[in-house]
Amino acid sequence: MYASYRKTTGDRIFDFVVYFLITLVILITLYPLIYVLSMAISDPLAAARGDVWLFPVGIDLTAIRRVLSDNQVLTYYGNTFWYTIVGTFCGVITTACAAYPLSRREFLSRNALMKLIMFTMFFHGGIIPTYIVVAKFLHLYNSRWAIVVCALTSAWYVTITRAFFESMPDELIESARIDGASEYRIFGQMVLPLSKPILAVLTLYMAVGHWNSYFNAMLYISDKTRQPLALYIRSVIIQNTLSSMFNISSEGLSAKVILSALQLKYAVIVVSVLPMLAIYPFISKNLEKGLMIGAVKG
């Protein structure tokens, strides 16, 4: 039997400090989310007066309805879903295909290629050369694939995926080779099914990256029918433009319409954040294990 462990006064103080700091971080993280949601659904007059500081004051969904009923926003929404789904799928497959051969010791050039990949983490060609390659040589200007190709993978994603593949037992792959399995079959039917944790991490990171990305779209997409939601949010929040959601002139504006317009930026943020929050529970099972890659050795 194990001897019972009694916490000392120092242990209790340490636990209290840790729990206090964790609770403080949680509150600091949750407050902006709750505040934005409360501002989006509160009464316009209360929001304009500054009465909302945490929870909603008088429920009014006018701003939310305006966002969800505007065809322009729905177009941006559809584009963002396309970029996120297609970009994440292509990115995960590309990263896995690049990392697997680099993780095999029998691949003699893997160290040299890995050094070249790591080199790109410190030195970048720059915006202008990248723009010339994408727009002039690849002819992807105003193409949806410009967004997908520019964010296909990164050196960091390849590095952590390679580390996960290297942690797999070599005996497992060798036994499959002895049974006559090809490299494609080993990769598709053995390696990928056992790589759910790292695939979940890649899926989350890439999906969030595509969902929030606006810079590449600002460079390569001038057609508004192909722009993502993040670019519209930028125009609403930074440039303070309200688009055509209210479809009214500056004459004869009602007070409620003006105040609802002030809430528009909060409503757009709420509508844009909800899908990412909905995805997390489905991949949280494998996310913790994937995030711990490289944290424990031996």
C-alpha atoms as a PDB file:
ATOM      1  CA  MET A   1       0.000   0.000   0.000  1.00  0.00           C
ATOM      2  CA  TYR A   2       1.106   3.526  -0.749  1.00  0.00           C
ATOM      3  CA  ALA A   3       1.700   5.855   2.124  1.00  0.00           C
ATOM      4  CA  SER A   4      -0.800   8.689   2.365  1.00  0.00           C
ATOM      5  CA  TYR A   5       0.568  12.048   1.324  1.00  0.00           C
ATOM      6  CA  ARG A   6      -0.302  15.051   3.443  1.00  0.00           C
ATOM      7  CA  LYS A   7       0.065  18.470   1.885  1.00  0.00           C
ATOM      8  CA  THR A   8       2.187  20.968   3.708  1.00  0.00           C
ATOM      9  CA  THR A   9       1.318  24.611   4.187  1.00  0.00           C
ATOM     10  CA  GLY A  10       3.625  25.495   1.313  1.00  0.00           C
ATOM     11  CA  ASP A  11       1.829  23.006  -0.953  1.00  0.00           C
ATOM     12  CA  ARG A  12      -1.550  24.514  -0.110  1.00  0.00           C
ATOM     13  CA  ILE A  13      -0.277  28.038  -0.795  1.00  0.00           C
ATOM     14  CA  PHE A  14       1.176  26.900  -4.103  1.00  0.00           C
ATOM     15  CA  ASP A  15      -2.119  25.214  -5.110  1.00  0.00           C
ATOM     16  CA  PHE A  16      -4.067  28.337  -4.189  1.00  0.00           C
ATOM     17  CA  VAL A  17      -1.803  30.559  -6.281  1.00  0.00           C
ATOM     18  CA  VAL A  18      -2.043  28.184  -9.263  1.00  0.00           C
ATOM     19  CA  TYR A  19      -5.845  27.947  -9.086  1.00  0.00           C
ATOM     20  CA  PHE A  20      -6.130  31.695  -8.649  1.00  0.00           C
ATOM     21  CA  LEU A  21      -3.961  32.399 -11.700  1.00  0.00           C
ATOM     22  CA  ILE A  22      -5.848  29.836 -13.806  1.00  0.00           C
ATOM     23  CA  THR A  23      -9.184  31.354 -12.783  1.00  0.00           C
ATOM     24  CA  LEU A  24      -7.870  34.837 -13.582  1.00  0.00           C
ATOM     25  CA  VAL A  25      -6.701  33.754 -17.044  1.00  0.00           C
ATOM     26  CA  ILE A  26     -10.088  32.115 -17.729  1.00  0.00           C
ATOM     27  CA  LEU A  27     -11.953  35.277 -16.726  1.00  0.00           C
ATOM     28  CA  ILE A  28      -9.678  37.497 -18.814  1.00  0.00           C
ATOM     29  CA  THR A  29     -10.201  35.187 -21.791  1.00  0.00           C
ATOM     30  CA  LEU A  30     -13.976  34.881 -21.439  1.00  0.00           C
ATOM     31  CA  TYR A  31     -14.748  38.533 -20.749  1.00  0.00           C
ATOM     32  CA  PRO A  32     -14.204  39.818 -24.336  1.00  0.00           C
ATOM     33  CA  LEU A  33     -16.332  36.981 -25.742  1.00  0.00           C
ATOM     34  CA  ILE A  34     -19.183  37.621 -23.326  1.00  0.00           C
ATOM     35  CA  TYR A  35     -18.961  41.385 -23.815  1.00  0.00           C
ATOM     36  CA  VAL A  36     -19.088  41.187 -27.611  1.00  0.00           C
ATOM     37  CA  LEU A  37     -22.042  38.799 -27.477  1.00  0.00           C
ATOM     38  CA  SER A  38     -23.841  41.021 -24.969  1.00  0.00           C
ATOM     39  CA  MET A  39     -23.292  44.132 -27.095  1.00  0.00           C
ATOM     40  CA  ALA A  40     -24.634  42.344 -30.177  1.00  0.00           C
ATOM     41  CA  ILE A  41     -27.919  41.268 -28.583  1.00  0.00           C
ATOM     42  CA  SER A  42     -28.558  44.104 -26.108  1.00  0.00           C
ATOM     43  CA  ASP A  43     -31.020  46.938 -26.549  1.00  0.00           C
ATOM     44  CA  PRO A  44     -29.460  49.482 -28.965  1.00  0.00           C
ATOM     45  CA  LEU A  45     -30.095  52.421 -26.629  1.00  0.00           C
ATOM     46  CA  ALA A  46     -28.499  50.638 -23.659  1.00  0.00           C
ATOM     47  CA  ALA A  47     -25.488  49.682 -25.796  1.00  0.00           C
ATOM     48  CA  ALA A  48     -25.072  53.285 -27.001  1.00  0.00           C
ATOM     49  CA  ARG A  49     -25.294  54.643 -23.430  1.00  0.00           C
ATOM     50  CA  GLY A  50     -22.574  52.232 -22.287  1.00  0.00           C
ATOM     51  CA  ASP A  51     -24.842  50.369 -19.867  1.00  0.00           C
ATOM     52  CA  VAL A  52     -23.567  47.006 -21.118  1.00  0.00           C
ATOM     53  CA  TRP A  53     -20.385  45.943 -19.385  1.00  0.00           C
ATOM     54  CA  LEU A  54     -20.844  42.161 -19.071  1.00  0.00           C
ATOM     55  CA  PHE A  55     -24.315  40.669 -19.536  1.00  0.00           C
ATOM     56  CA  PRO A  56     -26.970  41.824 -22.048  1.00  0.00           C
ATOM     57  CA  VAL A  57     -29.299  44.675 -21.118  1.00  0.00           C
ATOM     58  CA  GLY A  58     -32.661  44.289 -22.830  1.00  0.00           C
ATOM     59  CA  ILE A  59     -32.546  41.629 -25.555  1.00  0.00           C
ATOM     60  CA  ASP A  60     -32.760  42.991 -29.103  1.00  0.00           C
ATOM     61  CA  LEU A  61     -31.689  40.851 -32.074  1.00  0.00           C
ATOM     62  CA  THR A  62     -32.021  43.557 -34.726  1.00  0.00           C
ATOM     63  CA  ALA A  63     -28.297  43.658 -35.534  1.00  0.00           C
ATOM     64  CA  ILE A  64     -28.036  39.844 -35.676  1.00  0.00           C
ATOM     65  CA  ARG A  65     -31.029  39.664 -38.024  1.00  0.00           C
ATOM     66  CA  ARG A  66     -29.501  42.321 -40.272  1.00  0.00           C
ATOM     67  CA  VAL A  67     -26.285  40.334 -40.556  1.00  0.00           C
ATOM     68  CA  LEU A  68     -27.967  36.998 -41.258  1.00  0.00           C
ATOM     69  CA  SER A  69     -30.411  38.477 -43.774  1.00  0.00           C
ATOM     70  CA  ASP A  70     -27.866  40.426 -45.806  1.00  0.00           C
ATOM     71  CA  ASN A  71     -27.007  38.642 -49.060  1.00  0.00           C
ATOM     72  CA  GLN A  72     -23.571  40.218 -49.197  1.00  0.00           C
ATOM     73  CA  VAL A  73     -22.620  38.802 -45.808  1.00  0.00           C
ATOM     74  CA  LEU A  74     -23.995  35.397 -46.779  1.00  0.00           C
ATOM     75  CA  THR A  75     -21.779  35.479 -49.881  1.00  0.00           C
ATOM     76  CA  TYR A  76     -18.746  36.278 -47.734  1.00  0.00           C
ATOM     77  CA  TYR A  77     -19.802  33.500 -45.391  1.00  0.00           C
ATOM     78  CA  GLY A  78     -20.021  30.972 -48.229  1.00  0.00           C
ATOM     79  CA  ASN A  79     -16.607  32.013 -49.542  1.00  0.00           C
ATOM     80  CA  THR A  80     -15.078  31.640 -46.093  1.00  0.00           C
ATOM     81  CA  PHE A  81     -16.549  28.150 -45.715  1.00  0.00           C
ATOM     82  CA  TRP A  82     -15.090  27.205 -49.096  1.00  0.00           C
ATOM     83  CA  TYR A  83     -11.637  28.542 -48.242  1.00  0.00           C
ATOM     84  CA  THR A  84     -11.708  26.885 -44.823  1.00  0.00           C
ATOM     85  CA  ILE A  85     -12.898  23.454 -45.942  1.00  0.00           C
ATOM     86  CA  VAL A  86     -10.879  23.171 -49.155  1.00  0.00           C
ATOM     87  CA  GLY A  87      -7.809  24.926 -47.739  1.00  0.00           C
ATOM     88  CA  THR A  88      -7.755  22.821 -44.576  1.00  0.00           C
ATOM     89  CA  PHE A  89      -8.239  19.540 -46.457  1.00  0.00           C
ATOM     90  CA  CYS A  90      -5.509  20.325 -49.006  1.00  0.00           C
ATOM     91  CA  GLY A  91      -3.222  21.662 -46.281  1.00  0.00           C
ATOM     92  CA  VAL A  92      -3.522  18.612 -44.020  1.00  0.00           C
ATOM     93  CA  ILE A  93      -2.944  16.192 -46.908  1.00  0.00           C
ATOM     94  CA  THR A  94       0.022  18.189 -48.220  1.00  0.00           C
ATOM     95  CA  THR A  95       1.613  18.484 -44.770  1.00  0.00           C
ATOM     96  CA  ALA A  96       1.191  14.768 -44.046  1.00  0.00           C
ATOM     97  CA  CYS A  97       2.586  13.777 -47.454  1.00  0.00           C
ATOM     98  CA  ALA A  98       5.600  16.041 -46.936  1.00  0.00           C
ATOM     99  CA  ALA A  99       6.294  14.956 -43.351  1.00  0.00           C
ATOM    100  CA  TYR A 100       6.013  11.187 -43.800  1.00  0.00           C
ATOM    101  CA  PRO A 101       9.051  10.637 -46.086  1.00  0.00           C
ATOM    102  CA  LEU A 102      11.047  13.086 -43.974  1.00  0.00           C
ATOM    103  CA  SER A 103      10.357  10.894 -40.938  1.00  0.00           C
ATOM    104  CA  ARG A 104      11.734   7.694 -42.534  1.00  0.00           C
ATOM    105  CA  ARG A 105      15.368   6.986 -41.699  1.00  0.00           C
ATOM    106  CA  GLU A 106      15.876   5.102 -44.948  1.00  0.00           C
ATOM    107  CA  PHE A 107      15.226   8.299 -46.894  1.00  0.00           C
ATOM    108  CA  LEU A 108      18.825   9.505 -47.265  1.00  0.00           C
ATOM    109  CA  SER A 109      18.036  13.095 -48.277  1.00  0.00           C
ATOM    110  CA  ARG A 110      15.674  13.789 -45.418  1.00  0.00           C
ATOM    111  CA  ASN A 111      18.128  15.801 -43.305  1.00  0.00           C
ATOM    112  CA  ALA A 112      19.163  18.028 -46.205  1.00  0.00           C
ATOM    113  CA  LEU A 113      15.536  18.661 -47.186  1.00  0.00           C
ATOM    114  CA  MET A 114      14.581  19.327 -43.579  1.00  0.00           C
ATOM    115  CA  LYS A 115      17.295  21.962 -43.319  1.00  0.00           C
ATOM    116  CA  LEU A 116      15.940  23.673 -46.414  1.00  0.00           C
ATOM    117  CA  ILE A 117      12.441  23.607 -44.923  1.00  0.00           C
ATOM    118  CA  MET A 118      13.705  25.016 -41.627  1.00  0.00           C
ATOM    119  CA  PHE A 119      15.529  27.747 -43.570  1.00  0.00           C
ATOM    120  CA  THR A 120      12.170  29.125 -44.690  1.00  0.00           C
ATOM    121  CA  MET A 121      11.164  29.672 -41.056  1.00  0.00           C
ATOM    122  CA  PHE A 122      13.862  32.359 -40.725  1.00  0.00           C
ATOM    123  CA  PHE A 123      14.065  33.839 -44.201  1.00  0.00           C
ATOM    124  CA  HIS A 124      11.157  34.733 -46.446  1.00  0.00           C
ATOM    125  CA  GLY A 125      11.074  35.961 -50.029  1.00  0.00           C
ATOM    126  CA  GLY A 126       8.836  38.891 -49.152  1.00  0.00           C
ATOM    127  CA  ILE A 127       5.411  40.107 -50.205  1.00  0.00           C
ATOM    128  CA  ILE A 128       6.350  41.510 -53.616  1.00  0.00           C
ATOM    129  CA  PRO A 129       8.184  38.405 -54.936  1.00  0.00           C
ATOM    130  CA  THR A 130       5.371  36.214 -53.623  1.00  0.00           C
ATOM    131  CA  TYR A 131       2.794  38.409 -55.333  1.00  0.00           C
ATOM    132  CA  ILE A 132       4.709  38.201 -58.625  1.00  0.00           C
ATOM    133  CA  VAL A 133       4.865  34.404 -58.414  1.00  0.00           C
ATOM    134  CA  VAL A 134       1.187  34.015 -57.540  1.00  0.00           C
ATOM    135  CA  ALA A 135      -0.261  36.660 -59.856  1.00  0.00           C
ATOM    136  CA  LYS A 136       2.133  36.689 -62.803  1.00  0.00           C
ATOM    137  CA  PHE A 137       3.589  33.201 -63.047  1.00  0.00           C
ATOM    138  CA  LEU A 138       0.795  31.071 -61.593  1.00  0.00           C
ATOM    139  CA  HIS A 139      -1.946  33.384 -62.950  1.00  0.00           C
ATOM    140  CA  LEU A 140      -4.025  32.974 -59.784  1.00  0.00           C
ATOM    141  CA  TYR A 141      -5.025  36.604 -59.285  1.00  0.00           C
ATOM    142  CA  ASN A 142      -8.744  36.780 -58.470  1.00  0.00           C
ATOM    143  CA  SER A 143      -8.791  32.997 -58.196  1.00  0.00           C
ATOM    144  CA  ARG A 144      -9.961  31.134 -55.110  1.00  0.00           C
ATOM    145  CA  TRP A 145      -6.930  28.873 -55.389  1.00  0.00           C
ATOM    146  CA  ALA A 146      -4.610  31.789 -54.648  1.00  0.00           C
ATOM    147  CA  ILE A 147      -5.814  31.695 -51.025  1.00  0.00           C
ATOM    148  CA  VAL A 148      -5.456  27.911 -50.828  1.00  0.00           C
ATOM    149  CA  VAL A 149      -1.999  27.730 -52.414  1.00  0.00           C
ATOM    150  CA  CYS A 150      -0.516  30.573 -50.351  1.00  0.00           C
ATOM    151  CA  ALA A 151      -1.518  28.875 -47.078  1.00  0.00           C
ATOM    152  CA  LEU A 152      -1.050  25.262 -48.143  1.00  0.00           C
ATOM    153  CA  THR A 153       1.431  24.377 -45.401  1.00  0.00           C
ATOM    154  CA  SER A 154       4.265  25.793 -43.332  1.00  0.00           C
ATOM    155  CA  ALA A 155       7.643  24.671 -42.071  1.00  0.00           C
ATOM    156  CA  TRP A 156       6.307  24.491 -38.518  1.00  0.00           C
ATOM    157  CA  TYR A 157       3.426  22.194 -39.464  1.00  0.00           C
ATOM    158  CA  VAL A 158       5.783  19.898 -41.363  1.00  0.00           C
ATOM    159  CA  THR A 159       8.166  19.826 -38.399  1.00  0.00           C
ATOM    160  CA  ILE A 160       5.616  18.812 -35.770  1.00  0.00           C
ATOM    161  CA  THR A 161       3.981  16.278 -38.092  1.00  0.00           C
ATOM    162  CA  ARG A 162       7.367  14.750 -38.865  1.00  0.00           C
ATOM    163  CA  ALA A 163       8.064  14.479 -35.128  1.00  0.00           C
ATOM    164  CA  PHE A 164       4.778  12.623 -34.628  1.00  0.00           C
ATOM    165  CA  PHE A 165       5.500  10.185 -37.459  1.00  0.00           C
ATOM    166  CA  GLU A 166       8.966   9.528 -36.030  1.00  0.00           C
ATOM    167  CA  SER A 167       7.392   8.523 -32.712  1.00  0.00           C
ATOM    168  CA  MET A 168       5.638   5.583 -34.383  1.00  0.00           C
ATOM    169  CA  PRO A 169       7.354   2.185 -33.908  1.00  0.00           C
ATOM    170  CA  ASP A 170       9.529   1.245 -36.879  1.00  0.00           C
ATOM    171  CA  GLU A 171       8.581  -2.388 -36.338  1.00  0.00           C
ATOM    172  CA  LEU A 172       4.999  -1.590 -37.317  1.00  0.00           C
ATOM    173  CA  ILE A 173       5.991  -0.251 -40.706  1.00  0.00           C
ATOM    174  CA  GLU A 174       8.604  -2.968 -41.265  1.00  0.00           C
ATOM    175  CA  SER A 175       6.050  -5.698 -40.616  1.00  0.00           C
ATOM    176  CA  ALA A 176       3.734  -4.161 -43.188  1.00  0.00           C
ATOM    177  CA  ARG A 177       6.548  -4.082 -45.735  1.00  0.00           C
ATOM    178  CA  ILE A 178       7.342  -7.735 -45.081  1.00  0.00           C
ATOM    179  CA  ASP A 179       3.679  -8.538 -45.761  1.00  0.00           C
ATOM    180  CA  GLY A 180       4.034  -6.870 -49.148  1.00  0.00           C
ATOM    181  CA  ALA A 181       2.325  -3.546 -48.490  1.00  0.00           C
ATOM    182  CA  SER A 182       3.443  -0.643 -50.656  1.00  0.00           C
ATOM    183  CA  GLU A 183       4.487   2.717 -49.232  1.00  0.00           C
ATOM    184  CA  TYR A 184       1.214   4.253 -50.400  1.00  0.00           C
ATOM    185  CA  ARG A 185      -0.794   1.569 -48.619  1.00  0.00           C
ATOM    186  CA  ILE A 186       1.286   1.877 -45.450  1.00  0.00           C
ATOM    187  CA  PHE A 187       0.792   5.628 -45.445  1.00  0.00           C
ATOM    188  CA  GLY A 188      -2.919   5.572 -46.267  1.00  0.00           C
ATOM    189  CA  GLN A 189      -4.102   2.560 -44.265  1.00  0.00           C
ATOM    190  CA  MET A 190      -1.687   2.485 -41.328  1.00  0.00           C
ATOM    191  CA  VAL A 191       0.041   5.789 -40.708  1.00  0.00           C
ATOM    192  CA  LEU A 192      -2.880   8.173 -41.240  1.00  0.00           C
ATOM    193  CA  PRO A 193      -5.417   6.215 -39.118  1.00  0.00           C
ATOM    194  CA  LEU A 194      -2.885   6.190 -36.262  1.00  0.00           C
ATOM    195  CA  SER A 195      -2.206   9.916 -36.645  1.00  0.00           C
ATOM    196  CA  LYS A 196      -5.565  11.293 -35.522  1.00  0.00           C
ATOM    197  CA  PRO A 197      -4.047  13.482 -32.755  1.00  0.00           C
ATOM    198  CA  ILE A 198      -1.688  15.365 -35.062  1.00  0.00           C
ATOM    199  CA  LEU A 199      -4.290  15.510 -37.820  1.00  0.00           C
ATOM    200  CA  ALA A 200      -6.730  17.058 -35.342  1.00  0.00           C
ATOM    201  CA  VAL A 201      -4.154  19.695 -34.386  1.00  0.00           C
ATOM    202  CA  LEU A 202      -3.420  20.493 -38.028  1.00  0.00           C
ATOM    203  CA  THR A 203      -7.128  20.664 -38.822  1.00  0.00           C
ATOM    204  CA  LEU A 204      -7.832  23.099 -36.002  1.00  0.00           C
ATOM    205  CA  TYR A 205      -4.851  25.353 -36.662  1.00  0.00           C
ATOM    206  CA  MET A 206      -5.384  25.471 -40.414  1.00  0.00           C
ATOM    207  CA  ALA A 207      -9.143  25.921 -40.153  1.00  0.00           C
ATOM    208  CA  VAL A 208      -8.773  28.829 -37.726  1.00  0.00           C
ATOM    209  CA  GLY A 209      -6.042  30.300 -39.904  1.00  0.00           C
ATOM    210  CA  HIS A 210      -8.177  30.163 -43.057  1.00  0.00           C
ATOM    211  CA  TRP A 211     -11.265  31.404 -41.226  1.00  0.00           C
ATOM    212  CA  ASN A 212      -9.489  34.472 -39.842  1.00  0.00           C
ATOM    213  CA  SER A 213      -7.226  35.162 -42.828  1.00  0.00           C
ATOM    214  CA  TYR A 214      -7.795  38.395 -44.731  1.00  0.00           C
ATOM    215  CA  PHE A 215      -4.327  39.565 -45.846  1.00  0.00           C
ATOM    216  CA  ASN A 216      -3.903  37.143 -48.757  1.00  0.00           C
ATOM    217  CA  ALA A 217      -7.450  37.879 -49.894  1.00  0.00           C
ATOM    218  CA  MET A 218      -6.700  41.599 -49.744  1.00  0.00           C
ATOM    219  CA  LEU A 219      -3.676  41.038 -52.006  1.00  0.00           C
ATOM    220  CA  TYR A 220      -5.029  38.551 -54.522  1.00  0.00           C
ATOM    221  CA  ILE A 221      -8.836  38.870 -54.523  1.00  0.00           C
ATOM    222  CA  SER A 222     -10.372  42.107 -55.795  1.00  0.00           C
ATOM    223  CA  ASP A 223     -13.668  40.532 -56.825  1.00  0.00           C
ATOM    224  CA  LYS A 224     -16.036  41.043 -53.864  1.00  0.00           C
ATOM    225  CA  THR A 225     -18.026  37.945 -54.775  1.00  0.00           C
ATOM    226  CA  ARG A 226     -14.939  35.859 -53.901  1.00  0.00           C
ATOM    227  CA  GLN A 227     -13.725  37.682 -50.810  1.00  0.00           C
ATOM    228  CA  PRO A 228     -13.893  35.998 -47.379  1.00  0.00           C
ATOM    229  CA  LEU A 229     -15.821  37.155 -44.346  1.00  0.00           C
ATOM    230  CA  ALA A 230     -12.645  38.251 -42.522  1.00  0.00           C
ATOM    231  CA  LEU A 231     -12.001  40.916 -45.166  1.00  0.00           C
ATOM    232  CA  TYR A 232     -15.503  42.285 -44.666  1.00  0.00           C
ATOM    233  CA  ILE A 233     -15.030  42.296 -40.879  1.00  0.00           C
ATOM    234  CA  ARG A 234     -11.872  44.314 -41.413  1.00  0.00           C
ATOM    235  CA  SER A 235     -13.796  46.912 -43.390  1.00  0.00           C
ATOM    236  CA  VAL A 236     -16.506  47.058 -40.710  1.00  0.00           C
ATOM    237  CA  ILE A 237     -14.223  47.293 -37.689  1.00  0.00           C
ATOM    238  CA  ILE A 238     -11.120  49.081 -38.940  1.00  0.00           C
ATOM    239  CA  GLN A 239     -12.495  51.188 -41.780  1.00  0.00           C
ATOM    240  CA  ASN A 240     -15.833  51.595 -39.944  1.00  0.00           C
ATOM    241  CA  THR A 241     -17.952  50.992 -43.061  1.00  0.00           C
ATOM    242  CA  LEU A 242     -21.410  49.492 -42.626  1.00  0.00           C
ATOM    243  CA  SER A 243     -21.856  48.293 -46.210  1.00  0.00           C
ATOM    244  CA  SER A 244     -25.428  48.260 -47.484  1.00  0.00           C
ATOM    245  CA  MET A 245     -27.054  46.298 -44.711  1.00  0.00           C
ATOM    246  CA  PHE A 246     -29.457  49.065 -43.790  1.00  0.00           C
ATOM    247  CA  ASN A 247     -30.038  50.250 -47.368  1.00  0.00           C
ATOM    248  CA  ILE A 248     -31.060  53.731 -46.277  1.00  0.00           C
ATOM    249  CA  SER A 249     -30.001  57.289 -46.965  1.00  0.00           C
ATOM    250  CA  SER A 250     -28.666  59.681 -44.390  1.00  0.00           C
ATOM    251  CA  GLU A 251     -32.013  61.534 -44.307  1.00  0.00           C
ATOM    252  CA  GLY A 252     -34.806  60.436 -42.058  1.00  0.00           C
ATOM    253  CA  LEU A 253     -32.848  57.847 -40.087  1.00  0.00           C
ATOM    254  CA  SER A 254     -34.676  56.501 -37.088  1.00  0.00           C
ATOM    255  CA  ALA A 255     -32.883  56.424 -33.763  1.00  0.00           C
ATOM    256  CA  LYS A 256     -33.204  52.660 -33.513  1.00  0.00           C
ATOM    257  CA  VAL A 257     -31.665  52.132 -36.936  1.00  0.00           C
ATOM    258  CA  ILE A 258     -28.702  54.382 -36.101  1.00  0.00           C
ATOM    259  CA  LEU A 259     -28.128  52.660 -32.774  1.00  0.00           C
ATOM    260  CA  SER A 260     -28.505  49.219 -34.369  1.00  0.00           C
ATOM    261  CA  ALA A 261     -25.868  50.208 -36.904  1.00  0.00           C
ATOM    262  CA  LEU A 262     -23.486  50.847 -34.023  1.00  0.00           C
ATOM    263  CA  GLN A 263     -23.992  47.242 -32.922  1.00  0.00           C
ATOM    264  CA  LEU A 264     -23.316  45.858 -36.380  1.00  0.00           C
ATOM    265  CA  LYS A 265     -19.611  45.285 -35.825  1.00  0.00           C
ATOM    266  CA  TYR A 266     -20.335  43.232 -32.708  1.00  0.00           C
ATOM    267  CA  ALA A 267     -22.974  41.189 -34.503  1.00  0.00           C
ATOM    268  CA  VAL A 268     -20.614  40.418 -37.383  1.00  0.00           C
ATOM    269  CA  ILE A 269     -17.941  39.257 -34.930  1.00  0.00           C
ATOM    270  CA  VAL A 270     -20.418  36.968 -33.146  1.00  0.00           C
ATOM    271  CA  VAL A 271     -21.621  35.432 -36.396  1.00  0.00           C
ATOM    272  CA  SER A 272     -18.046  34.858 -37.568  1.00  0.00           C
ATOM    273  CA  VAL A 273     -16.820  33.281 -34.324  1.00  0.00           C
ATOM    274  CA  LEU A 274     -19.627  30.775 -33.724  1.00  0.00           C
ATOM    275  CA  PRO A 275     -18.587  28.177 -36.372  1.00  0.00           C
ATOM    276  CA  MET A 276     -15.058  27.885 -34.937  1.00  0.00           C
ATOM    277  CA  LEU A 277     -16.456  27.463 -31.434  1.00  0.00           C
ATOM    278  CA  ALA A 278     -18.772  24.741 -32.727  1.00  0.00           C
ATOM    279  CA  ILE A 279     -15.910  22.767 -34.310  1.00  0.00           C
ATOM    280  CA  TYR A 280     -13.775  22.510 -31.176  1.00  0.00           C
ATOM    281  CA  PRO A 281     -15.838  19.903 -29.244  1.00  0.00           C
ATOM    282  CA  PHE A 282     -15.595  17.440 -32.132  1.00  0.00           C
ATOM    283  CA  ILE A 283     -11.792  17.424 -32.204  1.00  0.00           C
ATOM    284  CA  SER A 284     -11.019  18.089 -28.535  1.00  0.00           C
ATOM    285  CA  LYS A 285     -10.606  14.348 -27.872  1.00  0.00           C
ATOM    286  CA  ASN A 286      -7.436  14.150 -29.957  1.00  0.00           C
ATOM    287  CA  LEU A 287      -6.361  17.756 -29.554  1.00  0.00           C
ATOM    288  CA  GLU A 288      -4.736  17.419 -26.130  1.00  0.00           C
ATOM    289  CA  LYS A 289      -2.538  14.507 -27.189  1.00  0.00           C
ATOM    290  CA  GLY A 290      -1.547  16.264 -30.385  1.00  0.00           C
ATOM    291  CA  LEU A 291      -0.611  19.465 -28.578  1.00  0.00           C
ATOM    292  CA  MET A 292       1.722  17.512 -26.289  1.00  0.00           C
ATOM    293  CA  ILE A 293       3.947  16.445 -29.210  1.00  0.00           C
ATOM    294  CA  GLY A 294       7.555  17.100 -28.269  1.00  0.00           C
ATOM    295  CA  ALA A 295       6.697  18.059 -24.691  1.00  0.00           C
ATOM    296  CA  VAL A 296       7.790  14.708 -23.188  1.00  0.00           C
ATOM    297  CA  LYS A 297      10.875  12.842 -24.340  1.00  0.00           C
ATOM    298  CA  GLY A 298      11.840   9.248 -23.702  1.00  0.00           C
END
